[in-house]
Amino acid sequence: MQKERPFVMSIAGYDPSGGAGLLADIKTFEQLKVYGLGICTAMTVQTESQCLSLNWQPLEDILLAIDVLMKNYCVEAVKIGIVKDTAFLTQIVEKIKSVNTETKIIWDPVLKSTSKFSFFDVNTIPHLENILQQIDLITPNYNEYQVLKESNLLKKTENSISVLIKGGHRNDKLGTDILTVKGKEIPIQPNGDTSVYYPKHGSGCVLSSAIASYLGLGKNLEEACRSGKLYIEKFLTSNPALLGFHSN
């Protein structure tokens, strides 16, 4: 088994455009010099601007793949992308923790695509409280954060979970992320001129997988979030199109 790079896993959807989901995560892992493992939660037909269909993969197949990979490779961190609902997420997290309690877990709570295609069943949000406490970081964008906040979920869990609220959709302080750890807010400012950042399909996927990579490389949570922000800013300035280029 190779030992030059830590193993980091993505459990996410398959986007054939390569801009988001599993393919985007693997591209990020490779750039950041971690060894990427991947498990598909859903098959989609989409481009960078529209999602036409989604087919969820059988949960038992996903759980089996997690079990096999984690028992054969020392997985330092896992990024979870689109999942069907709270029950789906709960079984995935519990399977990860049953194999290795030390594995870091980042969940990017993708509720809808940028083209408004619904992924997560928002009616199950009130049941997230218990499983969130087993997740090391959730990375909602500003709109997703508002949905979670309206359910009163974050108030119940503010002292037990860490949240990175991405600033790309804010009207004020555009580009400023807020990392909340045990109720303490840590602002993470943009490192450049936000006016030259181009909107990108899959930017949330890329940021969360970059953070997972840095956690796998041994950085603490704040360091990983700050380093992940540097990576995503390069991605956002890579070209004017919706499909970005990866570099480090």
C-alpha atoms as a PDB file:
ATOM      1  CA  MET A   1       0.000   0.000   0.000  1.00  0.00           C
ATOM      2  CA  GLN A   2       1.236   3.467  -0.873  1.00  0.00           C
ATOM      3  CA  LYS A   3       2.228   5.600   2.120  1.00  0.00           C
ATOM      4  CA  GLU A   4       3.335   8.810   0.418  1.00  0.00           C
ATOM      5  CA  ARG A   5      -0.096  10.431   0.549  1.00  0.00           C
ATOM      6  CA  PRO A   6      -2.894  10.228   3.135  1.00  0.00           C
ATOM      7  CA  PHE A   7      -6.144   8.626   1.992  1.00  0.00           C
ATOM      8  CA  VAL A   8      -9.158  10.933   1.729  1.00  0.00           C
ATOM      9  CA  MET A   9     -12.593   9.779   0.568  1.00  0.00           C
ATOM     10  CA  SER A  10     -15.439  11.480  -1.272  1.00  0.00           C
ATOM     11  CA  ILE A  11     -18.970  10.109  -0.923  1.00  0.00           C
ATOM     12  CA  ALA A  12     -20.867  12.188  -3.449  1.00  0.00           C
ATOM     13  CA  GLY A  13     -22.892  12.322  -6.638  1.00  0.00           C
ATOM     14  CA  TYR A  14     -21.600  11.686 -10.143  1.00  0.00           C
ATOM     15  CA  ASP A  15     -21.771  14.790 -12.348  1.00  0.00           C
ATOM     16  CA  PRO A  16     -20.796  13.886 -15.926  1.00  0.00           C
ATOM     17  CA  SER A  17     -19.720  17.477 -16.645  1.00  0.00           C
ATOM     18  CA  GLY A  18     -16.916  17.022 -14.099  1.00  0.00           C
ATOM     19  CA  GLY A  19     -17.645  20.379 -12.517  1.00  0.00           C
ATOM     20  CA  ALA A  20     -19.174  19.177  -9.271  1.00  0.00           C
ATOM     21  CA  GLY A  21     -19.575  16.107  -7.103  1.00  0.00           C
ATOM     22  CA  LEU A  22     -17.305  13.107  -7.125  1.00  0.00           C
ATOM     23  CA  LEU A  23     -15.211  14.080 -10.154  1.00  0.00           C
ATOM     24  CA  ALA A  24     -14.569  17.595  -8.851  1.00  0.00           C
ATOM     25  CA  ASP A  25     -13.597  16.177  -5.467  1.00  0.00           C
ATOM     26  CA  ILE A  26     -11.109  13.743  -6.981  1.00  0.00           C
ATOM     27  CA  LYS A  27      -9.553  16.548  -9.054  1.00  0.00           C
ATOM     28  CA  THR A  28      -9.137  18.573  -5.859  1.00  0.00           C
ATOM     29  CA  PHE A  29      -7.632  15.653  -3.958  1.00  0.00           C
ATOM     30  CA  GLU A  30      -5.065  15.076  -6.688  1.00  0.00           C
ATOM     31  CA  GLN A  31      -4.005  18.730  -6.766  1.00  0.00           C
ATOM     32  CA  LEU A  32      -3.562  18.787  -2.994  1.00  0.00           C
ATOM     33  CA  LYS A  33      -1.520  15.592  -3.002  1.00  0.00           C
ATOM     34  CA  VAL A  34      -3.810  13.303  -1.074  1.00  0.00           C
ATOM     35  CA  TYR A  35      -4.924   9.940  -2.443  1.00  0.00           C
ATOM     36  CA  GLY A  36      -8.596  10.173  -3.357  1.00  0.00           C
ATOM     37  CA  LEU A  37     -11.084   7.351  -2.890  1.00  0.00           C
ATOM     38  CA  GLY A  38     -14.619   7.749  -4.240  1.00  0.00           C
ATOM     39  CA  ILE A  39     -18.090   6.330  -3.638  1.00  0.00           C
ATOM     40  CA  CYS A  40     -21.081   7.406  -5.733  1.00  0.00           C
ATOM     41  CA  THR A  41     -24.344   8.336  -3.954  1.00  0.00           C
ATOM     42  CA  ALA A  42     -26.298   9.267  -7.083  1.00  0.00           C
ATOM     43  CA  MET A  43     -26.004   9.232 -10.853  1.00  0.00           C
ATOM     44  CA  THR A  44     -27.049  12.460 -12.528  1.00  0.00           C
ATOM     45  CA  VAL A  45     -27.467  13.766 -16.049  1.00  0.00           C
ATOM     46  CA  GLN A  46     -26.370  17.393 -15.974  1.00  0.00           C
ATOM     47  CA  THR A  47     -24.246  20.136 -17.418  1.00  0.00           C
ATOM     48  CA  GLU A  48     -22.742  23.090 -15.620  1.00  0.00           C
ATOM     49  CA  SER A  49     -26.034  24.995 -15.991  1.00  0.00           C
ATOM     50  CA  GLN A  50     -28.808  22.423 -15.625  1.00  0.00           C
ATOM     51  CA  CYS A  51     -29.566  19.130 -13.903  1.00  0.00           C
ATOM     52  CA  LEU A  52     -31.928  16.909 -15.891  1.00  0.00           C
ATOM     53  CA  SER A  53     -32.197  13.748 -13.821  1.00  0.00           C
ATOM     54  CA  LEU A  54     -30.982  12.045 -10.659  1.00  0.00           C
ATOM     55  CA  ASN A  55     -30.987   8.384  -9.637  1.00  0.00           C
ATOM     56  CA  TRP A  56     -29.980   7.499  -6.094  1.00  0.00           C
ATOM     57  CA  GLN A  57     -27.681   4.535  -5.679  1.00  0.00           C
ATOM     58  CA  PRO A  58     -28.792   1.732  -3.323  1.00  0.00           C
ATOM     59  CA  LEU A  59     -27.807   2.615   0.230  1.00  0.00           C
ATOM     60  CA  GLU A  60     -26.636  -0.944   0.924  1.00  0.00           C
ATOM     61  CA  ASP A  61     -24.133  -0.660  -1.952  1.00  0.00           C
ATOM     62  CA  ILE A  62     -22.796   2.624  -0.567  1.00  0.00           C
ATOM     63  CA  LEU A  63     -22.419   1.181   2.928  1.00  0.00           C
ATOM     64  CA  LEU A  64     -20.658  -1.912   1.572  1.00  0.00           C
ATOM     65  CA  ALA A  65     -18.204   0.242  -0.383  1.00  0.00           C
ATOM     66  CA  ILE A  66     -17.463   2.339   2.714  1.00  0.00           C
ATOM     67  CA  ASP A  67     -16.842  -0.810   4.747  1.00  0.00           C
ATOM     68  CA  VAL A  68     -14.542  -2.379   2.155  1.00  0.00           C
ATOM     69  CA  LEU A  69     -12.499   0.763   1.456  1.00  0.00           C
ATOM     70  CA  MET A  70     -12.107   1.866   5.061  1.00  0.00           C
ATOM     71  CA  LYS A  71     -11.052  -1.594   6.202  1.00  0.00           C
ATOM     72  CA  ASN A  72      -8.384  -1.699   3.483  1.00  0.00           C
ATOM     73  CA  TYR A  73      -7.141   1.903   3.621  1.00  0.00           C
ATOM     74  CA  CYS A  74      -6.514   4.232   6.542  1.00  0.00           C
ATOM     75  CA  VAL A  75      -8.932   7.014   5.592  1.00  0.00           C
ATOM     76  CA  GLU A  76      -8.018  10.242   7.366  1.00  0.00           C
ATOM     77  CA  ALA A  77     -10.982  12.334   6.220  1.00  0.00           C
ATOM     78  CA  VAL A  78     -14.265  11.914   4.373  1.00  0.00           C
ATOM     79  CA  LYS A  79     -16.194  14.547   2.434  1.00  0.00           C
ATOM     80  CA  ILE A  80     -19.904  13.794   2.016  1.00  0.00           C
ATOM     81  CA  GLY A  81     -21.803  15.515  -0.773  1.00  0.00           C
ATOM     82  CA  ILE A  82     -25.373  14.999  -1.950  1.00  0.00           C
ATOM     83  CA  VAL A  83     -27.455  12.587   0.107  1.00  0.00           C
ATOM     84  CA  LYS A  84     -31.144  11.775  -0.129  1.00  0.00           C
ATOM     85  CA  ASP A  85     -32.314  12.610   3.387  1.00  0.00           C
ATOM     86  CA  THR A  86     -31.415  12.458   7.068  1.00  0.00           C
ATOM     87  CA  ALA A  87     -31.774   8.668   7.281  1.00  0.00           C
ATOM     88  CA  PHE A  88     -29.440   8.245   4.289  1.00  0.00           C
ATOM     89  CA  LEU A  89     -26.833  10.554   5.853  1.00  0.00           C
ATOM     90  CA  THR A  90     -27.177   8.956   9.283  1.00  0.00           C
ATOM     91  CA  GLN A  91     -26.373   5.459   8.067  1.00  0.00           C
ATOM     92  CA  ILE A  92     -23.383   6.710   6.065  1.00  0.00           C
ATOM     93  CA  VAL A  93     -21.906   8.572   9.042  1.00  0.00           C
ATOM     94  CA  GLU A  94     -22.556   5.699  11.431  1.00  0.00           C
ATOM     95  CA  LYS A  95     -20.851   3.255   9.052  1.00  0.00           C
ATOM     96  CA  ILE A  96     -17.770   5.504   8.804  1.00  0.00           C
ATOM     97  CA  LYS A  97     -17.551   5.855  12.580  1.00  0.00           C
ATOM     98  CA  SER A  98     -18.093   2.119  13.127  1.00  0.00           C
ATOM     99  CA  VAL A  99     -14.917   1.402  11.165  1.00  0.00           C
ATOM    100  CA  ASN A 100     -12.764   4.311  12.392  1.00  0.00           C
ATOM    101  CA  THR A 101     -13.899   6.744  15.068  1.00  0.00           C
ATOM    102  CA  GLU A 102     -10.944   9.030  14.308  1.00  0.00           C
ATOM    103  CA  THR A 103     -11.839   9.708  10.668  1.00  0.00           C
ATOM    104  CA  LYS A 104     -12.776  13.365  10.137  1.00  0.00           C
ATOM    105  CA  ILE A 105     -16.127  13.929   8.417  1.00  0.00           C
ATOM    106  CA  ILE A 106     -17.125  17.019   6.423  1.00  0.00           C
ATOM    107  CA  TRP A 107     -20.673  17.300   5.102  1.00  0.00           C
ATOM    108  CA  ASP A 108     -21.505  19.797   2.384  1.00  0.00           C
ATOM    109  CA  PRO A 109     -25.303  20.055   2.850  1.00  0.00           C
ATOM    110  CA  VAL A 110     -26.331  20.487  -0.776  1.00  0.00           C
ATOM    111  CA  LEU A 111     -30.077  21.085  -0.639  1.00  0.00           C
ATOM    112  CA  LYS A 112     -30.509  22.261  -4.237  1.00  0.00           C
ATOM    113  CA  SER A 113     -28.293  22.655  -7.272  1.00  0.00           C
ATOM    114  CA  THR A 114     -27.568  26.135  -8.584  1.00  0.00           C
ATOM    115  CA  SER A 115     -30.161  25.332 -11.276  1.00  0.00           C
ATOM    116  CA  LYS A 116     -32.737  24.747  -8.471  1.00  0.00           C
ATOM    117  CA  PHE A 117     -32.828  20.951  -8.817  1.00  0.00           C
ATOM    118  CA  SER A 118     -33.734  19.553  -5.364  1.00  0.00           C
ATOM    119  CA  PHE A 119     -31.477  16.945  -3.772  1.00  0.00           C
ATOM    120  CA  PHE A 120     -31.954  16.660   0.003  1.00  0.00           C
ATOM    121  CA  ASP A 121     -35.448  16.092   1.452  1.00  0.00           C
ATOM    122  CA  VAL A 122     -35.765  19.254   3.560  1.00  0.00           C
ATOM    123  CA  ASN A 123     -38.704  17.750   5.466  1.00  0.00           C
ATOM    124  CA  THR A 124     -36.187  15.534   7.288  1.00  0.00           C
ATOM    125  CA  ILE A 125     -33.994  18.444   8.474  1.00  0.00           C
ATOM    126  CA  PRO A 126     -35.516  18.506  11.999  1.00  0.00           C
ATOM    127  CA  HIS A 127     -34.169  14.975  12.537  1.00  0.00           C
ATOM    128  CA  LEU A 128     -30.538  15.939  11.807  1.00  0.00           C
ATOM    129  CA  GLU A 129     -29.642  16.993  15.354  1.00  0.00           C
ATOM    130  CA  ASN A 130     -28.175  13.729  16.629  1.00  0.00           C
ATOM    131  CA  ILE A 131     -26.135  12.831  13.561  1.00  0.00           C
ATOM    132  CA  LEU A 132     -24.669  16.320  13.167  1.00  0.00           C
ATOM    133  CA  GLN A 133     -22.877  15.825  16.466  1.00  0.00           C
ATOM    134  CA  GLN A 134     -20.835  13.037  14.851  1.00  0.00           C
ATOM    135  CA  ILE A 135     -19.771  15.271  11.948  1.00  0.00           C
ATOM    136  CA  ASP A 136     -16.646  17.436  12.319  1.00  0.00           C
ATOM    137  CA  LEU A 137     -17.746  20.233   9.978  1.00  0.00           C
ATOM    138  CA  ILE A 138     -20.727  21.196   7.844  1.00  0.00           C
ATOM    139  CA  THR A 139     -20.227  23.699   5.016  1.00  0.00           C
ATOM    140  CA  PRO A 140     -23.537  25.308   3.999  1.00  0.00           C
ATOM    141  CA  ASN A 141     -23.661  28.262   1.650  1.00  0.00           C
ATOM    142  CA  TYR A 142     -25.486  31.318   2.933  1.00  0.00           C
ATOM    143  CA  ASN A 143     -28.855  30.203   1.523  1.00  0.00           C
ATOM    144  CA  GLU A 144     -28.507  26.673   2.912  1.00  0.00           C
ATOM    145  CA  TYR A 145     -27.503  28.141   6.262  1.00  0.00           C
ATOM    146  CA  GLN A 146     -30.740  30.162   6.349  1.00  0.00           C
ATOM    147  CA  VAL A 147     -32.793  27.000   5.705  1.00  0.00           C
ATOM    148  CA  LEU A 148     -31.007  25.150   8.518  1.00  0.00           C
ATOM    149  CA  LYS A 149     -31.351  28.176  10.804  1.00  0.00           C
ATOM    150  CA  GLU A 150     -35.090  28.481  10.172  1.00  0.00           C
ATOM    151  CA  SER A 151     -35.546  24.897  11.357  1.00  0.00           C
ATOM    152  CA  ASN A 152     -33.966  25.924  14.699  1.00  0.00           C
ATOM    153  CA  LEU A 153     -31.484  23.114  14.151  1.00  0.00           C
ATOM    154  CA  LEU A 154     -28.299  25.173  14.439  1.00  0.00           C
ATOM    155  CA  LYS A 155     -29.394  26.856  17.657  1.00  0.00           C
ATOM    156  CA  LYS A 156     -29.868  23.435  19.246  1.00  0.00           C
ATOM    157  CA  THR A 157     -26.425  22.233  18.149  1.00  0.00           C
ATOM    158  CA  GLU A 158     -24.336  25.436  18.220  1.00  0.00           C
ATOM    159  CA  ASN A 159     -22.153  24.263  21.098  1.00  0.00           C
ATOM    160  CA  SER A 160     -21.547  20.774  19.731  1.00  0.00           C
ATOM    161  CA  ILE A 161     -20.930  21.156  15.975  1.00  0.00           C
ATOM    162  CA  SER A 162     -18.669  23.249  13.760  1.00  0.00           C
ATOM    163  CA  VAL A 163     -20.131  25.152  10.819  1.00  0.00           C
ATOM    164  CA  LEU A 164     -18.433  27.007   7.963  1.00  0.00           C
ATOM    165  CA  ILE A 165     -20.939  29.435   6.452  1.00  0.00           C
ATOM    166  CA  LYS A 166     -19.707  30.197   2.950  1.00  0.00           C
ATOM    167  CA  GLY A 167     -19.907  33.850   1.957  1.00  0.00           C
ATOM    168  CA  GLY A 168     -20.367  33.607  -1.784  1.00  0.00           C
ATOM    169  CA  HIS A 169     -24.125  34.266  -1.674  1.00  0.00           C
ATOM    170  CA  ARG A 170     -24.122  37.073   0.890  1.00  0.00           C
ATOM    171  CA  ASN A 171     -25.364  40.570   0.092  1.00  0.00           C
ATOM    172  CA  ASP A 172     -23.071  42.066   2.717  1.00  0.00           C
ATOM    173  CA  LYS A 173     -19.419  41.155   3.230  1.00  0.00           C
ATOM    174  CA  LEU A 174     -19.369  39.170   0.000  1.00  0.00           C
ATOM    175  CA  GLY A 175     -16.798  36.391   0.103  1.00  0.00           C
ATOM    176  CA  THR A 176     -16.355  36.415   3.880  1.00  0.00           C
ATOM    177  CA  ASP A 177     -16.791  32.944   5.347  1.00  0.00           C
ATOM    178  CA  ILE A 178     -17.748  32.477   8.995  1.00  0.00           C
ATOM    179  CA  LEU A 179     -16.344  29.472  10.849  1.00  0.00           C
ATOM    180  CA  THR A 180     -18.318  28.762  14.023  1.00  0.00           C
ATOM    181  CA  VAL A 181     -16.679  26.433  16.539  1.00  0.00           C
ATOM    182  CA  LYS A 182     -18.556  25.756  19.804  1.00  0.00           C
ATOM    183  CA  GLY A 183     -20.448  29.020  19.430  1.00  0.00           C
ATOM    184  CA  LYS A 184     -17.345  31.111  18.703  1.00  0.00           C
ATOM    185  CA  GLU A 185     -17.343  32.902  15.344  1.00  0.00           C
ATOM    186  CA  ILE A 186     -14.116  33.140  13.338  1.00  0.00           C
ATOM    187  CA  PRO A 187     -14.366  35.316  10.203  1.00  0.00           C
ATOM    188  CA  ILE A 188     -12.285  34.176   7.234  1.00  0.00           C
ATOM    189  CA  GLN A 189     -11.800  37.119   4.913  1.00  0.00           C
ATOM    190  CA  PRO A 190     -11.247  36.919   1.144  1.00  0.00           C
ATOM    191  CA  ASN A 191      -7.599  36.967   0.157  1.00  0.00           C
ATOM    192  CA  GLY A 192      -8.131  38.943  -3.032  1.00  0.00           C
ATOM    193  CA  ASP A 193     -10.497  41.199  -4.929  1.00  0.00           C
ATOM    194  CA  THR A 194     -13.898  39.487  -4.961  1.00  0.00           C
ATOM    195  CA  SER A 195     -14.897  41.417  -8.096  1.00  0.00           C
ATOM    196  CA  VAL A 196     -12.628  39.146 -10.150  1.00  0.00           C
ATOM    197  CA  TYR A 197     -14.146  35.931  -8.781  1.00  0.00           C
ATOM    198  CA  TYR A 198     -16.293  34.216 -11.408  1.00  0.00           C
ATOM    199  CA  PRO A 199     -19.277  32.071 -10.353  1.00  0.00           C
ATOM    200  CA  LYS A 200     -18.419  28.400 -10.717  1.00  0.00           C
ATOM    201  CA  HIS A 201     -20.446  25.233 -10.924  1.00  0.00           C
ATOM    202  CA  GLY A 202     -19.374  22.976  -8.066  1.00  0.00           C
ATOM    203  CA  SER A 203     -17.505  25.587  -6.029  1.00  0.00           C
ATOM    204  CA  GLY A 204     -19.027  24.269  -2.798  1.00  0.00           C
ATOM    205  CA  CYS A 205     -17.917  20.741  -3.646  1.00  0.00           C
ATOM    206  CA  VAL A 206     -14.395  21.950  -4.348  1.00  0.00           C
ATOM    207  CA  LEU A 207     -14.132  23.927  -1.113  1.00  0.00           C
ATOM    208  CA  SER A 208     -15.370  21.099   1.100  1.00  0.00           C
ATOM    209  CA  SER A 209     -13.091  18.554  -0.572  1.00  0.00           C
ATOM    210  CA  ALA A 210     -10.147  20.936  -0.227  1.00  0.00           C
ATOM    211  CA  ILE A 211     -10.869  21.258   3.497  1.00  0.00           C
ATOM    212  CA  ALA A 212     -11.082  17.463   3.772  1.00  0.00           C
ATOM    213  CA  SER A 213      -7.719  17.226   2.014  1.00  0.00           C
ATOM    214  CA  TYR A 214      -6.052  19.635   4.398  1.00  0.00           C
ATOM    215  CA  LEU A 215      -7.522  17.832   7.404  1.00  0.00           C
ATOM    216  CA  GLY A 216      -6.120  14.617   5.946  1.00  0.00           C
ATOM    217  CA  LEU A 217      -2.725  16.318   5.676  1.00  0.00           C
ATOM    218  CA  GLY A 218      -2.812  17.096   9.400  1.00  0.00           C
ATOM    219  CA  LYS A 219      -3.993  20.702   9.597  1.00  0.00           C
ATOM    220  CA  ASN A 220      -6.414  21.704  12.341  1.00  0.00           C
ATOM    221  CA  LEU A 221      -9.932  22.819  11.451  1.00  0.00           C
ATOM    222  CA  GLU A 222      -9.276  26.557  11.202  1.00  0.00           C
ATOM    223  CA  GLU A 223      -6.056  26.043   9.228  1.00  0.00           C
ATOM    224  CA  ALA A 224      -7.841  23.647   6.872  1.00  0.00           C
ATOM    225  CA  CYS A 225     -10.660  26.142   6.260  1.00  0.00           C
ATOM    226  CA  ARG A 226      -8.229  29.003   5.591  1.00  0.00           C
ATOM    227  CA  SER A 227      -6.139  26.867   3.242  1.00  0.00           C
ATOM    228  CA  GLY A 228      -9.280  25.610   1.531  1.00  0.00           C
ATOM    229  CA  LYS A 229     -10.332  29.198   0.922  1.00  0.00           C
ATOM    230  CA  LEU A 230      -7.045  29.930  -0.835  1.00  0.00           C
ATOM    231  CA  TYR A 231      -7.624  26.913  -3.067  1.00  0.00           C
ATOM    232  CA  ILE A 232     -11.194  27.858  -3.967  1.00  0.00           C
ATOM    233  CA  GLU A 233     -10.171  31.430  -4.754  1.00  0.00           C
ATOM    234  CA  LYS A 234      -7.734  30.159  -7.376  1.00  0.00           C
ATOM    235  CA  PHE A 235     -10.546  28.017  -8.748  1.00  0.00           C
ATOM    236  CA  LEU A 236     -12.927  31.001  -8.906  1.00  0.00           C
ATOM    237  CA  THR A 237     -10.402  33.113 -10.820  1.00  0.00           C
ATOM    238  CA  SER A 238      -9.270  30.334 -13.167  1.00  0.00           C
ATOM    239  CA  ASN A 239     -11.463  31.442 -16.088  1.00  0.00           C
ATOM    240  CA  PRO A 240     -14.747  33.277 -16.784  1.00  0.00           C
ATOM    241  CA  ALA A 241     -16.755  30.132 -17.576  1.00  0.00           C
ATOM    242  CA  LEU A 242     -18.926  28.117 -15.160  1.00  0.00           C
ATOM    243  CA  LEU A 243     -16.543  25.145 -15.382  1.00  0.00           C
ATOM    244  CA  GLY A 244     -13.380  26.023 -13.485  1.00  0.00           C
ATOM    245  CA  PHE A 245      -9.809  24.781 -13.733  1.00  0.00           C
ATOM    246  CA  HIS A 246      -7.972  23.182 -10.814  1.00  0.00           C
ATOM    247  CA  SER A 247      -4.493  24.249  -9.786  1.00  0.00           C
ATOM    248  CA  ASN A 248      -2.492  24.595  -6.606  1.00  0.00           C
END
